[in-house]
Structure formats: C-alpha cells, structure tokens
Amino acid sequence: MNSFVLNLFDASHEQRIAGVTSFVGEDATGCFGIQANHARFMTTLVFGLARFRLAPDDWQYLALPGAVAYFNNNELTISTRHFLIDTDLERISNLLEQQLIAEEENLRATKESLYKMEQAMLKRMLALNRKTGWQ
C-alpha cells in the first residue's frame, strides 16, 4: 500500500512519522482526506481532532489548536503551537477539552489584564490633565 510521511512541528518539538496511508482533517470548508501521491495542497486546520492511519494499524488521533498543513512530494507537514497524539479517541478528546478550557481561561485573564491596564492609563492621563491643564 502506498504511504507518505507526516511531519509534525510545534513550539517545543518535532515528530516524523513514516508509513502513513491516510490523513483526515478539517479546515474552514469542512472535512477532507489525503492519501499518498496527493497533489500539492495547503490549508489551515481548525481547532480540534484530525486522524491518521499507519498501514496495518488503527487510527491515531491528533489534537491541534489549529495548524497549517502543507502536502508536497508525498510529505504532509503540519505546523502548530502544540499537538497531542493518542490512539484512544475518548482520552484525547478529554485532553483536548481540558486544553480548550485552559486556553479560554488564559484568554479571559489576558483580556481582564488589558482592561485593567487601559483603566489605569486613562486614570493617569486624567490626573496629568488636571495637574498641568494639558489638552
């Protein structure tokens, strides 16, 4: 059976997986599949699960917080902030959900911090305006 190479890159490590027979992912237009010798292809994957299969094995699941996928010369390269691989769909789904909750909390905290900085800066500007009569 024909196969291709899957290259995974994130902020802290990389992984090269040879012998991949198919890959299924999702972008903004919906789900798509790639097999060996596919035409050159590039897309951005949405937050969620993708999956790939090695020749005789079951599906392996790949959790991603969004990514860029590029297929060329029988190699699929995926670049993302971080990724998780597991053969157990339920386990990786739980990990992905925890990751999403953590990212949402970080985003909320960042927005709150920016709001507080903005308020402090406005107060400081008003205080300076009162002292100097600056316009």
Protein backbone atom coordinates (compact mmCIF):
# COMPACT_ATOMS: atom_id res chain seq x y z
CA MET A 1 0.00 0.00 0.00
CA ASN A 2 1.25 3.50 -0.83
CA SER A 3 2.25 5.69 2.08
CA PHE A 4 3.59 9.13 2.86
CA VAL A 5 5.48 10.90 5.65
CA LEU A 6 3.77 13.03 8.31
CA ASN A 7 5.97 15.77 9.80
CA LEU A 8 4.62 17.42 12.95
CA PHE A 9 6.16 20.62 14.28
CA ASP A 10 5.23 22.60 17.37
CA ALA A 11 6.92 25.17 19.58
CA SER A 12 8.93 22.63 21.55
CA HIS A 13 9.45 19.52 19.42
CA GLU A 14 9.02 17.79 16.12
CA GLN A 15 7.99 14.31 15.11
CA ARG A 16 8.41 12.46 11.81
CA ILE A 17 6.04 9.56 11.17
CA ALA A 18 6.70 7.40 8.11
CA GLY A 19 4.28 4.90 6.62
CA VAL A 20 1.10 6.99 6.91
CA THR A 21 -1.55 5.69 4.49
CA SER A 22 -4.25 8.33 5.05
CA PHE A 23 -4.94 11.55 6.92
CA VAL A 24 -8.31 13.12 7.70
CA GLY A 25 -8.52 16.72 8.90
CA GLU A 26 -10.86 19.69 8.95
CA ASP A 27 -10.44 23.21 7.65
CA ALA A 28 -12.87 26.10 7.26
CA THR A 29 -14.59 24.38 4.32
CA GLY A 30 -15.14 21.06 6.12
CA CYS A 31 -13.50 17.65 6.41
CA PHE A 32 -11.00 16.40 3.85
CA GLY A 33 -8.74 13.40 3.36
CA ILE A 34 -5.25 12.96 1.97
CA GLN A 35 -3.66 9.76 0.69
CA ALA A 36 -0.24 9.06 -0.79
CA ASN A 37 0.66 10.87 -4.00
CA HIS A 38 -1.96 13.57 -3.46
CA ALA A 39 -1.47 16.79 -5.43
CA ARG A 40 0.29 19.68 -3.70
CA PHE A 41 -2.09 21.08 -1.11
CA MET A 42 -2.08 23.72 1.63
CA THR A 43 -4.74 24.69 4.19
CA THR A 44 -5.26 25.80 7.77
CA LEU A 45 -6.70 23.22 10.13
CA VAL A 46 -9.31 24.27 12.67
CA PHE A 47 -9.09 23.64 16.43
CA GLY A 48 -9.98 20.01 17.03
CA LEU A 49 -9.09 16.46 16.13
CA ALA A 50 -7.51 15.11 12.98
CA ARG A 51 -6.62 11.47 12.45
CA PHE A 52 -4.12 9.41 10.50
CA ARG A 53 -3.54 5.75 9.84
CA LEU A 54 -0.35 3.77 9.56
CA ALA A 55 -0.62 0.83 7.13
CA PRO A 56 -1.73 -2.09 9.34
CA ASP A 57 -2.75 -0.10 12.42
CA ASP A 58 -5.92 1.51 13.67
CA TRP A 59 -6.47 5.25 13.51
CA GLN A 60 -4.31 7.53 15.61
CA TYR A 61 -5.81 10.83 16.69
CA LEU A 62 -4.07 14.18 16.55
CA ALA A 63 -5.35 17.04 18.74
CA LEU A 64 -4.47 20.50 17.45
CA PRO A 65 -5.30 24.08 18.46
CA GLY A 66 -5.36 24.99 14.78
CA ALA A 67 -2.45 24.46 12.38
CA VAL A 68 -1.06 24.98 8.91
CA ALA A 69 -0.97 21.82 6.78
CA TYR A 70 1.13 21.52 3.63
CA PHE A 71 1.33 18.42 1.42
CA ASN A 72 4.08 18.23 -1.21
CA ASN A 73 6.33 15.48 -2.59
CA ASN A 74 4.50 12.83 -0.58
CA GLU A 75 5.12 14.59 2.75
CA LEU A 76 2.44 16.20 4.91
CA THR A 77 3.89 18.89 7.16
CA ILE A 78 1.77 20.25 9.99
CA SER A 79 2.93 23.29 11.96
CA THR A 80 1.09 24.24 15.15
CA ARG A 81 1.65 25.68 18.63
CA HIS A 82 1.37 22.20 20.16
CA PHE A 83 -0.12 18.81 19.41
CA LEU A 84 -1.15 15.60 21.14
CA ILE A 85 -1.24 12.11 19.62
CA ASP A 86 -3.20 9.17 21.04
CA THR A 87 -4.90 6.01 19.81
CA ASP A 88 -7.77 6.38 22.31
CA LEU A 89 -10.42 8.77 20.98
CA GLU A 90 -12.08 9.35 24.36
CA ARG A 91 -8.81 10.07 26.16
CA ILE A 92 -7.55 12.53 23.55
CA SER A 93 -10.99 14.20 23.37
CA ASN A 94 -10.82 14.80 27.14
CA LEU A 95 -7.29 16.19 26.83
CA LEU A 96 -8.40 18.47 24.01
CA GLU A 97 -11.36 19.71 26.06
CA GLN A 98 -9.05 20.47 29.00
CA GLN A 99 -6.71 22.29 26.63
CA LEU A 100 -9.59 24.37 25.24
CA ILE A 101 -10.79 25.29 28.74
CA ALA A 102 -7.25 26.31 29.75
CA GLU A 103 -6.82 28.45 26.61
CA GLU A 104 -10.19 30.12 27.18
CA GLU A 105 -9.19 30.91 30.79
CA ASN A 106 -5.86 32.35 29.61
CA LEU A 107 -7.67 34.49 27.05
CA ARG A 108 -10.13 35.72 29.69
CA ALA A 109 -7.27 36.57 32.05
CA THR A 110 -5.41 38.41 29.28
CA LYS A 111 -8.49 40.44 28.36
CA GLU A 112 -9.06 41.31 32.03
CA SER A 113 -5.43 42.38 32.41
CA LEU A 114 -5.62 44.57 29.31
CA TYR A 115 -8.83 46.16 30.57
CA LYS A 116 -7.19 46.97 33.93
CA MET A 117 -4.13 48.45 32.21
CA GLU A 118 -6.37 50.57 29.99
CA GLN A 119 -8.32 51.85 33.02
CA ALA A 120 -5.11 52.66 34.91
CA MET A 121 -3.72 54.51 31.91
CA LEU A 122 -6.90 56.56 31.50
CA LYS A 123 -6.86 57.48 35.20
CA ARG A 124 -3.22 58.52 34.93
CA MET A 125 -3.91 60.64 31.84
CA LEU A 126 -6.85 62.35 33.58
CA ALA A 127 -4.67 63.05 36.64
CA LEU A 128 -1.95 64.55 34.43
CA ASN A 129 -4.54 66.64 32.62
CA ARG A 130 -5.84 68.06 35.91
CA LYS A 131 -2.33 68.89 37.19
CA THR A 132 -0.99 70.51 34.03
CA GLY A 133 -4.10 71.66 32.26
CA TRP A 134 -2.80 69.65 29.30
CA GLN A 135 -5.21 69.47 26.40
